[in-house]
Amino acid sequence: MAEHPEMSAQERAGKAFPVSWDQFHRDCRALTWRLSNAGPFHAIIAITRGGLVPAAIVARELGVRVIDTVCIASYDHNKRGELQVLKGVSEDAARLGGGTGKGLLIVDDLVDTGKTARMVRDMLPDAHFATVYAKPMGRPLVDTFITEVSQDTWIFFPWDLGLSFQPPMRDGAA
């Protein structure tokens, strides 16, 4: 679908996939279970902002105390789709990964088109990359994930939702 400012994210994406806090926590624990044999990890690198919550849960479950962030922004005004690194991996975390990321765990909530994932992969090519959710375009860039959704699905994360009435699907709600 062509993007129109008056359309909601759900209308642009096609399918809605709302995720509750309980479900997200369960999915993050399932991700940790899958990661338990992939380590040990010296540090976790969270891709902000979506990777912060799953990184905290994974770090707790795996007992990893060193957590760093890589901060990447995508601008949608006159630089549509261009990515900018706002903060790279710290020297201390990079050193733990030998400069290439070996022994580091990159965590994000979702891999979508793969643009952000590719940028972080280029920074830390030997790191293990894990996401809670994956879409087909970005899926080849991650090593471990829990749930794959279609490319036209819009995931509504619990930190983006408020409690409100939802009409039944038979009334036209997706």
N, C-alpha and C. Protein backbone atom coordinates (compact mmCIF):
# COMPACT_ATOMS: atom_id res chain seq x y z
N MET A 1 0.83 -1.19 0.00
CA MET A 1 0.00 0.00 0.00
C MET A 1 0.87 1.24 0.00
N ALA A 2 0.43 2.26 -0.68
CA ALA A 2 1.14 3.54 -0.65
C ALA A 2 0.92 4.17 0.72
N GLU A 3 1.92 4.88 1.18
CA GLU A 3 1.79 5.52 2.49
C GLU A 3 1.03 6.82 2.37
N HIS A 4 0.06 6.97 3.26
CA HIS A 4 -0.72 8.20 3.34
C HIS A 4 -0.70 8.65 4.78
N PRO A 5 -0.38 9.93 5.03
CA PRO A 5 -0.28 10.39 6.42
C PRO A 5 -1.56 10.20 7.22
N GLU A 6 -2.71 10.22 6.55
CA GLU A 6 -3.96 10.10 7.30
C GLU A 6 -4.29 8.65 7.64
N MET A 7 -3.54 7.70 7.10
CA MET A 7 -3.78 6.29 7.40
C MET A 7 -3.04 5.91 8.67
N SER A 8 -3.64 5.01 9.44
CA SER A 8 -2.98 4.51 10.64
C SER A 8 -1.90 3.52 10.25
N ALA A 9 -1.01 3.25 11.19
CA ALA A 9 0.05 2.26 10.94
C ALA A 9 -0.57 0.92 10.59
N GLN A 10 -1.65 0.57 11.27
CA GLN A 10 -2.31 -0.71 11.01
C GLN A 10 -2.85 -0.75 9.58
N GLU A 11 -3.47 0.33 9.12
CA GLU A 11 -4.01 0.36 7.76
C GLU A 11 -2.90 0.27 6.73
N ARG A 12 -1.76 0.92 6.99
CA ARG A 12 -0.63 0.84 6.07
C ARG A 12 -0.04 -0.56 6.04
N ALA A 13 0.01 -1.21 7.19
CA ALA A 13 0.67 -2.49 7.28
C ALA A 13 -0.20 -3.65 6.82
N GLY A 14 -1.48 -3.55 7.00
CA GLY A 14 -2.35 -4.64 6.58
C GLY A 14 -2.86 -5.47 7.74
N LYS A 15 -1.98 -6.12 8.48
CA LYS A 15 -2.39 -7.01 9.57
C LYS A 15 -1.87 -6.48 10.89
N ALA A 16 -2.70 -6.57 11.91
CA ALA A 16 -2.30 -6.13 13.24
C ALA A 16 -1.95 -7.32 14.10
N PHE A 17 -0.87 -7.19 14.87
CA PHE A 17 -0.44 -8.23 15.80
C PHE A 17 -0.14 -7.56 17.13
N PRO A 18 -1.18 -7.35 17.97
CA PRO A 18 -0.94 -6.73 19.27
C PRO A 18 -0.30 -7.72 20.23
N VAL A 19 0.69 -7.26 20.97
CA VAL A 19 1.41 -8.11 21.91
C VAL A 19 1.26 -7.52 23.31
N SER A 20 0.76 -8.32 24.25
CA SER A 20 0.60 -7.87 25.64
C SER A 20 1.94 -7.97 26.36
N TRP A 21 2.01 -7.32 27.53
CA TRP A 21 3.22 -7.42 28.34
C TRP A 21 3.50 -8.87 28.72
N ASP A 22 2.45 -9.60 29.10
CA ASP A 22 2.63 -11.01 29.48
C ASP A 22 3.19 -11.82 28.32
N GLN A 23 2.61 -11.65 27.15
CA GLN A 23 3.08 -12.40 25.99
C GLN A 23 4.51 -12.02 25.63
N PHE A 24 4.82 -10.73 25.69
CA PHE A 24 6.17 -10.29 25.35
C PHE A 24 7.19 -10.88 26.32
N HIS A 25 6.85 -10.89 27.60
CA HIS A 25 7.75 -11.46 28.60
C HIS A 25 7.95 -12.96 28.35
N ARG A 26 6.88 -13.68 28.05
CA ARG A 26 7.00 -15.11 27.72
C ARG A 26 7.87 -15.32 26.49
N ASP A 27 7.68 -14.48 25.47
CA ASP A 27 8.47 -14.61 24.24
C ASP A 27 9.94 -14.32 24.50
N CYS A 28 10.23 -13.34 25.36
CA CYS A 28 11.62 -13.03 25.69
C CYS A 28 12.27 -14.17 26.48
N ARG A 29 11.51 -14.78 27.36
CA ARG A 29 12.04 -15.94 28.09
C ARG A 29 12.27 -17.12 27.14
N ALA A 30 11.38 -17.30 26.18
CA ALA A 30 11.57 -18.36 25.18
C ALA A 30 12.82 -18.07 24.34
N LEU A 31 13.04 -16.80 24.01
CA LEU A 31 14.25 -16.42 23.28
C LEU A 31 15.49 -16.77 24.12
N THR A 32 15.44 -16.47 25.40
CA THR A 32 16.55 -16.79 26.29
C THR A 32 16.81 -18.29 26.32
N TRP A 33 15.77 -19.07 26.37
CA TRP A 33 15.92 -20.52 26.39
C TRP A 33 16.66 -20.98 25.13
N ARG A 34 16.28 -20.42 23.98
CA ARG A 34 16.97 -20.77 22.73
C ARG A 34 18.42 -20.31 22.72
N LEU A 35 18.70 -19.22 23.41
CA LEU A 35 20.05 -18.67 23.45
C LEU A 35 20.96 -19.36 24.46
N SER A 36 20.39 -20.12 25.37
CA SER A 36 21.16 -20.67 26.48
C SER A 36 22.34 -21.53 26.04
N ASN A 37 22.25 -22.18 24.89
CA ASN A 37 23.36 -22.99 24.39
C ASN A 37 24.22 -22.26 23.37
N ALA A 38 23.88 -21.03 23.05
CA ALA A 38 24.63 -20.27 22.03
C ALA A 38 25.78 -19.48 22.64
N GLY A 39 25.78 -19.28 23.94
CA GLY A 39 26.79 -18.48 24.62
C GLY A 39 28.00 -19.30 24.99
N PRO A 40 28.74 -18.86 25.96
CA PRO A 40 28.44 -17.73 26.84
C PRO A 40 28.66 -16.40 26.14
N PHE A 41 27.97 -15.39 26.65
CA PHE A 41 28.07 -14.04 26.11
C PHE A 41 28.76 -13.13 27.12
N HIS A 42 29.70 -12.33 26.63
CA HIS A 42 30.42 -11.39 27.48
C HIS A 42 29.60 -10.14 27.76
N ALA A 43 28.73 -9.78 26.80
CA ALA A 43 27.92 -8.57 26.93
C ALA A 43 26.73 -8.67 25.98
N ILE A 44 25.73 -7.88 26.28
CA ILE A 44 24.55 -7.75 25.41
C ILE A 44 24.56 -6.35 24.84
N ILE A 45 24.29 -6.26 23.54
CA ILE A 45 24.17 -4.97 22.86
C ILE A 45 22.71 -4.83 22.45
N ALA A 46 22.01 -3.90 23.08
CA ALA A 46 20.61 -3.65 22.77
C ALA A 46 20.53 -2.60 21.66
N ILE A 47 19.71 -2.88 20.65
CA ILE A 47 19.45 -1.88 19.62
C ILE A 47 18.29 -1.03 20.11
N THR A 48 18.55 0.26 20.29
CA THR A 48 17.50 1.11 20.83
C THR A 48 16.61 1.62 19.71
N ARG A 49 15.38 1.77 20.16
CA ARG A 49 14.86 1.66 21.50
C ARG A 49 14.19 0.31 21.73
N GLY A 50 13.70 -0.31 20.69
CA GLY A 50 12.93 -1.54 20.84
C GLY A 50 13.67 -2.68 21.52
N GLY A 51 14.98 -2.71 21.42
CA GLY A 51 15.75 -3.80 22.01
C GLY A 51 16.01 -3.66 23.49
N LEU A 52 15.66 -2.52 24.08
CA LEU A 52 15.96 -2.30 25.49
C LEU A 52 15.22 -3.27 26.41
N VAL A 53 13.93 -3.44 26.20
CA VAL A 53 13.14 -4.31 27.08
C VAL A 53 13.56 -5.77 26.93
N PRO A 54 13.62 -6.31 25.71
CA PRO A 54 14.06 -7.71 25.62
C PRO A 54 15.49 -7.91 26.09
N ALA A 55 16.37 -6.94 25.89
CA ALA A 55 17.75 -7.07 26.37
C ALA A 55 17.79 -7.17 27.88
N ALA A 56 16.97 -6.40 28.58
CA ALA A 56 16.93 -6.46 30.04
C ALA A 56 16.46 -7.84 30.51
N ILE A 57 15.44 -8.38 29.86
CA ILE A 57 14.93 -9.69 30.26
C ILE A 57 15.95 -10.78 29.96
N VAL A 58 16.53 -10.75 28.78
CA VAL A 58 17.53 -11.75 28.40
C VAL A 58 18.75 -11.66 29.32
N ALA A 59 19.20 -10.45 29.61
CA ALA A 59 20.36 -10.26 30.48
C ALA A 59 20.10 -10.85 31.86
N ARG A 60 18.92 -10.61 32.39
CA ARG A 60 18.56 -11.16 33.70
C ARG A 60 18.59 -12.68 33.67
N GLU A 61 17.96 -13.25 32.66
CA GLU A 61 17.84 -14.71 32.59
C GLU A 61 19.18 -15.39 32.34
N LEU A 62 20.06 -14.77 31.55
CA LEU A 62 21.36 -15.36 31.26
C LEU A 62 22.44 -14.97 32.27
N GLY A 63 22.13 -14.01 33.16
CA GLY A 63 23.10 -13.57 34.14
C GLY A 63 24.19 -12.69 33.55
N VAL A 64 23.89 -12.01 32.46
CA VAL A 64 24.85 -11.11 31.84
C VAL A 64 24.72 -9.73 32.48
N ARG A 65 25.83 -9.18 32.96
CA ARG A 65 25.81 -7.89 33.66
C ARG A 65 26.22 -6.72 32.79
N VAL A 66 26.93 -6.97 31.69
CA VAL A 66 27.39 -5.88 30.84
C VAL A 66 26.39 -5.71 29.71
N ILE A 67 25.75 -4.55 29.69
CA ILE A 67 24.76 -4.23 28.67
C ILE A 67 25.13 -2.89 28.06
N ASP A 68 25.18 -2.85 26.75
CA ASP A 68 25.49 -1.62 26.03
C ASP A 68 24.37 -1.39 25.03
N THR A 69 24.40 -0.24 24.39
CA THR A 69 23.40 0.06 23.36
C THR A 69 24.09 0.54 22.09
N VAL A 70 23.41 0.31 20.99
CA VAL A 70 23.73 0.96 19.74
C VAL A 70 22.44 1.69 19.36
N CYS A 71 22.56 2.97 19.08
CA CYS A 71 21.38 3.81 18.84
C CYS A 71 21.37 4.26 17.39
N ILE A 72 20.33 3.84 16.68
CA ILE A 72 20.21 4.13 15.26
C ILE A 72 18.86 4.79 15.01
N ALA A 73 18.87 5.86 14.24
CA ALA A 73 17.62 6.56 13.91
C ALA A 73 17.39 6.50 12.41
N SER A 74 16.12 6.43 12.06
CA SER A 74 15.71 6.50 10.67
C SER A 74 14.86 7.76 10.53
N TYR A 75 15.23 8.60 9.60
CA TYR A 75 14.49 9.85 9.43
C TYR A 75 13.49 9.73 8.31
N ASP A 76 12.30 10.27 8.51
CA ASP A 76 11.25 10.10 7.52
C ASP A 76 10.84 11.41 6.86
N HIS A 77 11.63 12.44 7.04
CA HIS A 77 11.27 13.70 6.38
C HIS A 77 11.88 13.71 4.98
N ASN A 78 12.89 14.49 4.74
CA ASN A 78 13.49 14.52 3.41
C ASN A 78 14.60 13.49 3.24
N LYS A 79 14.91 12.71 4.26
CA LYS A 79 15.91 11.65 4.17
C LYS A 79 15.24 10.30 4.41
N ARG A 80 14.10 10.09 3.84
CA ARG A 80 13.31 8.88 4.07
C ARG A 80 14.14 7.61 3.91
N GLY A 81 14.13 6.79 4.96
CA GLY A 81 14.80 5.51 4.89
C GLY A 81 16.28 5.51 5.20
N GLU A 82 16.91 6.67 5.28
CA GLU A 82 18.33 6.71 5.61
C GLU A 82 18.51 6.47 7.10
N LEU A 83 19.53 5.71 7.43
CA LEU A 83 19.83 5.42 8.82
C LEU A 83 21.01 6.24 9.28
N GLN A 84 20.98 6.64 10.54
CA GLN A 84 22.07 7.39 11.13
C GLN A 84 22.41 6.77 12.48
N VAL A 85 23.67 6.49 12.70
CA VAL A 85 24.12 5.98 13.99
C VAL A 85 24.23 7.17 14.94
N LEU A 86 23.42 7.17 15.98
CA LEU A 86 23.45 8.22 16.99
C LEU A 86 24.46 7.90 18.08
N LYS A 87 24.63 6.60 18.36
CA LYS A 87 25.61 6.13 19.33
C LYS A 87 26.05 4.74 18.92
N GLY A 88 27.32 4.57 18.78
CA GLY A 88 27.85 3.25 18.45
C GLY A 88 28.10 2.43 19.69
N VAL A 89 28.61 1.24 19.49
CA VAL A 89 28.98 0.36 20.59
C VAL A 89 30.16 0.98 21.33
N SER A 90 30.14 0.91 22.66
CA SER A 90 31.23 1.50 23.44
C SER A 90 32.53 0.75 23.21
N GLU A 91 33.63 1.43 23.45
CA GLU A 91 34.95 0.80 23.30
C GLU A 91 35.10 -0.40 24.22
N ASP A 92 34.56 -0.28 25.45
CA ASP A 92 34.66 -1.39 26.41
C ASP A 92 33.93 -2.63 25.89
N ALA A 93 32.71 -2.46 25.39
CA ALA A 93 31.94 -3.60 24.88
C ALA A 93 32.60 -4.17 23.62
N ALA A 94 33.05 -3.30 22.75
CA ALA A 94 33.71 -3.76 21.53
C ALA A 94 34.96 -4.56 21.87
N ARG A 95 35.68 -4.13 22.88
CA ARG A 95 36.89 -4.84 23.30
C ARG A 95 36.54 -6.24 23.82
N LEU A 96 35.43 -6.36 24.55
CA LEU A 96 34.99 -7.67 25.04
C LEU A 96 34.72 -8.63 23.88
N GLY A 97 34.30 -8.07 22.75
CA GLY A 97 34.01 -8.87 21.57
C GLY A 97 35.18 -8.94 20.60
N GLY A 98 36.35 -8.54 21.05
CA GLY A 98 37.53 -8.63 20.20
C GLY A 98 37.48 -7.74 18.98
N GLY A 99 36.61 -6.74 19.00
CA GLY A 99 36.50 -5.82 17.86
C GLY A 99 35.56 -6.30 16.78
N THR A 100 35.28 -7.60 16.72
CA THR A 100 34.39 -8.14 15.68
C THR A 100 33.05 -8.60 16.25
N GLY A 101 32.94 -8.62 17.58
CA GLY A 101 31.68 -9.00 18.21
C GLY A 101 31.62 -10.43 18.72
N LYS A 102 32.69 -11.19 18.57
CA LYS A 102 32.67 -12.58 19.04
C LYS A 102 32.39 -12.60 20.54
N GLY A 103 31.40 -13.38 20.94
CA GLY A 103 31.01 -13.45 22.34
C GLY A 103 30.04 -12.37 22.78
N LEU A 104 29.60 -11.53 21.83
CA LEU A 104 28.60 -10.51 22.14
C LEU A 104 27.24 -10.95 21.60
N LEU A 105 26.19 -10.52 22.29
CA LEU A 105 24.82 -10.84 21.89
C LEU A 105 24.11 -9.54 21.55
N ILE A 106 23.68 -9.40 20.30
CA ILE A 106 22.88 -8.25 19.87
C ILE A 106 21.42 -8.63 20.06
N VAL A 107 20.63 -7.75 20.68
CA VAL A 107 19.22 -8.03 20.93
C VAL A 107 18.37 -6.88 20.42
N ASP A 108 17.30 -7.24 19.71
CA ASP A 108 16.30 -6.27 19.27
C ASP A 108 14.93 -6.91 19.40
N ASP A 109 13.89 -6.08 19.39
CA ASP A 109 12.54 -6.61 19.49
C ASP A 109 12.10 -7.26 18.18
N LEU A 110 12.53 -6.68 17.05
CA LEU A 110 12.02 -7.10 15.75
C LEU A 110 13.04 -6.83 14.67
N VAL A 111 13.15 -7.73 13.71
CA VAL A 111 13.86 -7.43 12.48
C VAL A 111 12.79 -7.34 11.40
N ASP A 112 12.75 -6.20 10.72
CA ASP A 112 11.70 -5.93 9.73
C ASP A 112 12.29 -6.02 8.33
N THR A 113 12.72 -4.92 7.77
CA THR A 113 13.30 -4.94 6.43
C THR A 113 14.76 -5.39 6.46
N GLY A 114 15.39 -5.29 7.62
CA GLY A 114 16.77 -5.68 7.76
C GLY A 114 17.77 -4.55 7.64
N LYS A 115 17.30 -3.33 7.38
CA LYS A 115 18.24 -2.21 7.21
C LYS A 115 19.04 -1.93 8.48
N THR A 116 18.35 -1.83 9.60
CA THR A 116 19.05 -1.60 10.87
C THR A 116 19.92 -2.80 11.23
N ALA A 117 19.37 -3.98 11.06
CA ALA A 117 20.14 -5.20 11.37
C ALA A 117 21.41 -5.27 10.55
N ARG A 118 21.33 -4.94 9.28
CA ARG A 118 22.51 -4.97 8.41
C ARG A 118 23.58 -3.99 8.92
N MET A 119 23.14 -2.81 9.34
CA MET A 119 24.08 -1.81 9.83
C MET A 119 24.81 -2.31 11.08
N VAL A 120 24.06 -2.92 12.00
CA VAL A 120 24.66 -3.41 13.24
C VAL A 120 25.51 -4.65 12.95
N ARG A 121 25.05 -5.50 12.06
CA ARG A 121 25.84 -6.68 11.64
C ARG A 121 27.19 -6.25 11.07
N ASP A 122 27.19 -5.16 10.31
CA ASP A 122 28.45 -4.67 9.74
C ASP A 122 29.40 -4.18 10.83
N MET A 123 28.84 -3.64 11.93
CA MET A 123 29.66 -3.18 13.05
C MET A 123 30.27 -4.36 13.81
N LEU A 124 29.48 -5.41 14.00
CA LEU A 124 29.87 -6.56 14.83
C LEU A 124 29.57 -7.85 14.08
N PRO A 125 30.34 -8.17 13.04
CA PRO A 125 30.01 -9.30 12.17
C PRO A 125 30.02 -10.66 12.85
N ASP A 126 30.77 -10.81 13.94
CA ASP A 126 30.85 -12.12 14.60
C ASP A 126 29.95 -12.25 15.82
N ALA A 127 29.14 -11.23 16.09
CA ALA A 127 28.21 -11.29 17.22
C ALA A 127 27.04 -12.21 16.89
N HIS A 128 26.39 -12.70 17.93
CA HIS A 128 25.17 -13.49 17.77
C HIS A 128 24.01 -12.50 17.79
N PHE A 129 23.15 -12.56 16.80
CA PHE A 129 22.06 -11.59 16.66
C PHE A 129 20.73 -12.28 16.97
N ALA A 130 20.00 -11.75 17.94
CA ALA A 130 18.72 -12.35 18.35
C ALA A 130 17.62 -11.30 18.37
N THR A 131 16.46 -11.68 17.87
CA THR A 131 15.28 -10.82 17.95
C THR A 131 14.11 -11.66 18.45
N VAL A 132 13.15 -10.99 19.03
CA VAL A 132 11.97 -11.70 19.49
C VAL A 132 11.11 -12.06 18.29
N TYR A 133 10.91 -11.11 17.38
CA TYR A 133 10.07 -11.32 16.20
C TYR A 133 10.89 -11.05 14.94
N ALA A 134 10.51 -11.72 13.86
CA ALA A 134 11.22 -11.56 12.59
C ALA A 134 10.23 -11.54 11.44
N LYS A 135 10.50 -10.67 10.47
CA LYS A 135 9.75 -10.64 9.22
C LYS A 135 10.65 -11.21 8.13
N PRO A 136 10.06 -11.73 7.06
CA PRO A 136 10.85 -12.44 6.04
C PRO A 136 12.03 -11.66 5.45
N MET A 137 11.87 -10.36 5.21
CA MET A 137 12.97 -9.60 4.60
C MET A 137 14.21 -9.52 5.50
N GLY A 138 14.00 -9.44 6.81
CA GLY A 138 15.12 -9.32 7.73
C GLY A 138 15.56 -10.63 8.35
N ARG A 139 14.75 -11.64 8.23
CA ARG A 139 15.00 -12.94 8.87
C ARG A 139 16.40 -13.50 8.61
N PRO A 140 16.96 -13.42 7.40
CA PRO A 140 18.29 -14.00 7.17
C PRO A 140 19.42 -13.33 7.96
N LEU A 141 19.17 -12.15 8.52
CA LEU A 141 20.21 -11.43 9.24
C LEU A 141 20.32 -11.82 10.71
N VAL A 142 19.32 -12.55 11.24
CA VAL A 142 19.35 -12.92 12.65
C VAL A 142 19.68 -14.39 12.81
N ASP A 143 20.34 -14.69 13.92
CA ASP A 143 20.72 -16.06 14.23
C ASP A 143 19.62 -16.79 15.00
N THR A 144 18.93 -16.07 15.87
CA THR A 144 17.92 -16.67 16.73
C THR A 144 16.73 -15.72 16.83
N PHE A 145 15.52 -16.26 16.72
CA PHE A 145 14.30 -15.48 16.93
C PHE A 145 13.23 -16.44 17.44
N ILE A 146 12.10 -15.90 17.85
CA ILE A 146 11.01 -16.73 18.37
C ILE A 146 9.86 -16.86 17.39
N THR A 147 9.33 -15.75 16.91
CA THR A 147 8.12 -15.80 16.08
C THR A 147 8.35 -15.06 14.78
N GLU A 148 8.01 -15.70 13.67
CA GLU A 148 8.06 -15.03 12.37
C GLU A 148 6.64 -14.58 12.02
N VAL A 149 6.54 -13.35 11.56
CA VAL A 149 5.26 -12.80 11.10
C VAL A 149 5.43 -12.36 9.66
N SER A 150 4.33 -12.22 8.95
CA SER A 150 4.40 -11.81 7.55
C SER A 150 4.92 -10.38 7.43
N GLN A 151 5.45 -10.07 6.27
CA GLN A 151 6.04 -8.74 6.04
C GLN A 151 5.00 -7.64 6.19
N ASP A 152 3.74 -7.93 5.89
CA ASP A 152 2.69 -6.90 5.96
C ASP A 152 2.01 -6.83 7.33
N THR A 153 2.61 -7.44 8.33
CA THR A 153 2.06 -7.40 9.69
C THR A 153 2.69 -6.26 10.47
N TRP A 154 1.86 -5.52 11.18
CA TRP A 154 2.34 -4.45 12.05
C TRP A 154 2.23 -4.95 13.48
N ILE A 155 3.38 -5.03 14.17
CA ILE A 155 3.37 -5.49 15.56
C ILE A 155 3.17 -4.29 16.47
N PHE A 156 2.16 -4.39 17.31
CA PHE A 156 1.90 -3.36 18.30
C PHE A 156 2.49 -3.85 19.62
N PHE A 157 3.62 -3.24 20.03
CA PHE A 157 4.30 -3.64 21.24
C PHE A 157 3.59 -3.07 22.46
N PRO A 158 3.74 -3.74 23.61
CA PRO A 158 2.98 -3.31 24.80
C PRO A 158 3.30 -1.89 25.24
N TRP A 159 4.52 -1.41 25.01
CA TRP A 159 4.87 -0.05 25.41
C TRP A 159 4.25 1.00 24.50
N ASP A 160 3.68 0.57 23.38
CA ASP A 160 3.01 1.49 22.46
C ASP A 160 1.49 1.47 22.61
N LEU A 161 0.98 0.64 23.50
CA LEU A 161 -0.47 0.44 23.61
C LEU A 161 -1.02 0.99 24.90
N GLY A 162 -2.27 1.36 24.85
CA GLY A 162 -3.03 1.72 26.03
C GLY A 162 -4.25 0.82 26.08
N LEU A 163 -4.89 0.76 27.22
CA LEU A 163 -6.08 -0.06 27.32
C LEU A 163 -7.27 0.67 26.71
N SER A 164 -7.94 0.02 25.77
CA SER A 164 -9.13 0.61 25.17
C SER A 164 -10.01 -0.50 24.60
N PHE A 165 -11.24 -0.17 24.37
CA PHE A 165 -12.18 -1.12 23.80
C PHE A 165 -11.75 -1.51 22.40
N GLN A 166 -11.85 -2.79 22.08
CA GLN A 166 -11.56 -3.29 20.74
C GLN A 166 -12.83 -3.90 20.17
N PRO A 167 -13.30 -3.41 19.02
CA PRO A 167 -14.52 -4.00 18.44
C PRO A 167 -14.24 -5.43 17.98
N PRO A 168 -15.28 -6.30 17.98
CA PRO A 168 -15.09 -7.66 17.51
C PRO A 168 -14.66 -7.69 16.05
N MET A 169 -13.91 -8.72 15.68
CA MET A 169 -13.43 -8.83 14.29
C MET A 169 -14.57 -8.85 13.29
N ARG A 170 -15.69 -9.41 13.66
CA ARG A 170 -16.82 -9.49 12.73
C ARG A 170 -17.35 -8.10 12.34
N ASP A 171 -16.99 -7.09 13.17
CA ASP A 171 -17.40 -5.71 12.87
C ASP A 171 -16.38 -4.99 12.01
N GLY A 172 -15.45 -5.72 11.41
CA GLY A 172 -14.50 -5.10 10.51
C GLY A 172 -13.14 -4.81 11.09
N ALA A 173 -12.95 -5.11 12.37
CA ALA A 173 -11.62 -4.90 12.96
C ALA A 173 -10.68 -6.00 12.49
N ALA A 174 -9.44 -5.64 12.24
CA ALA A 174 -8.45 -6.64 11.76
C ALA A 174 -7.83 -7.38 12.91
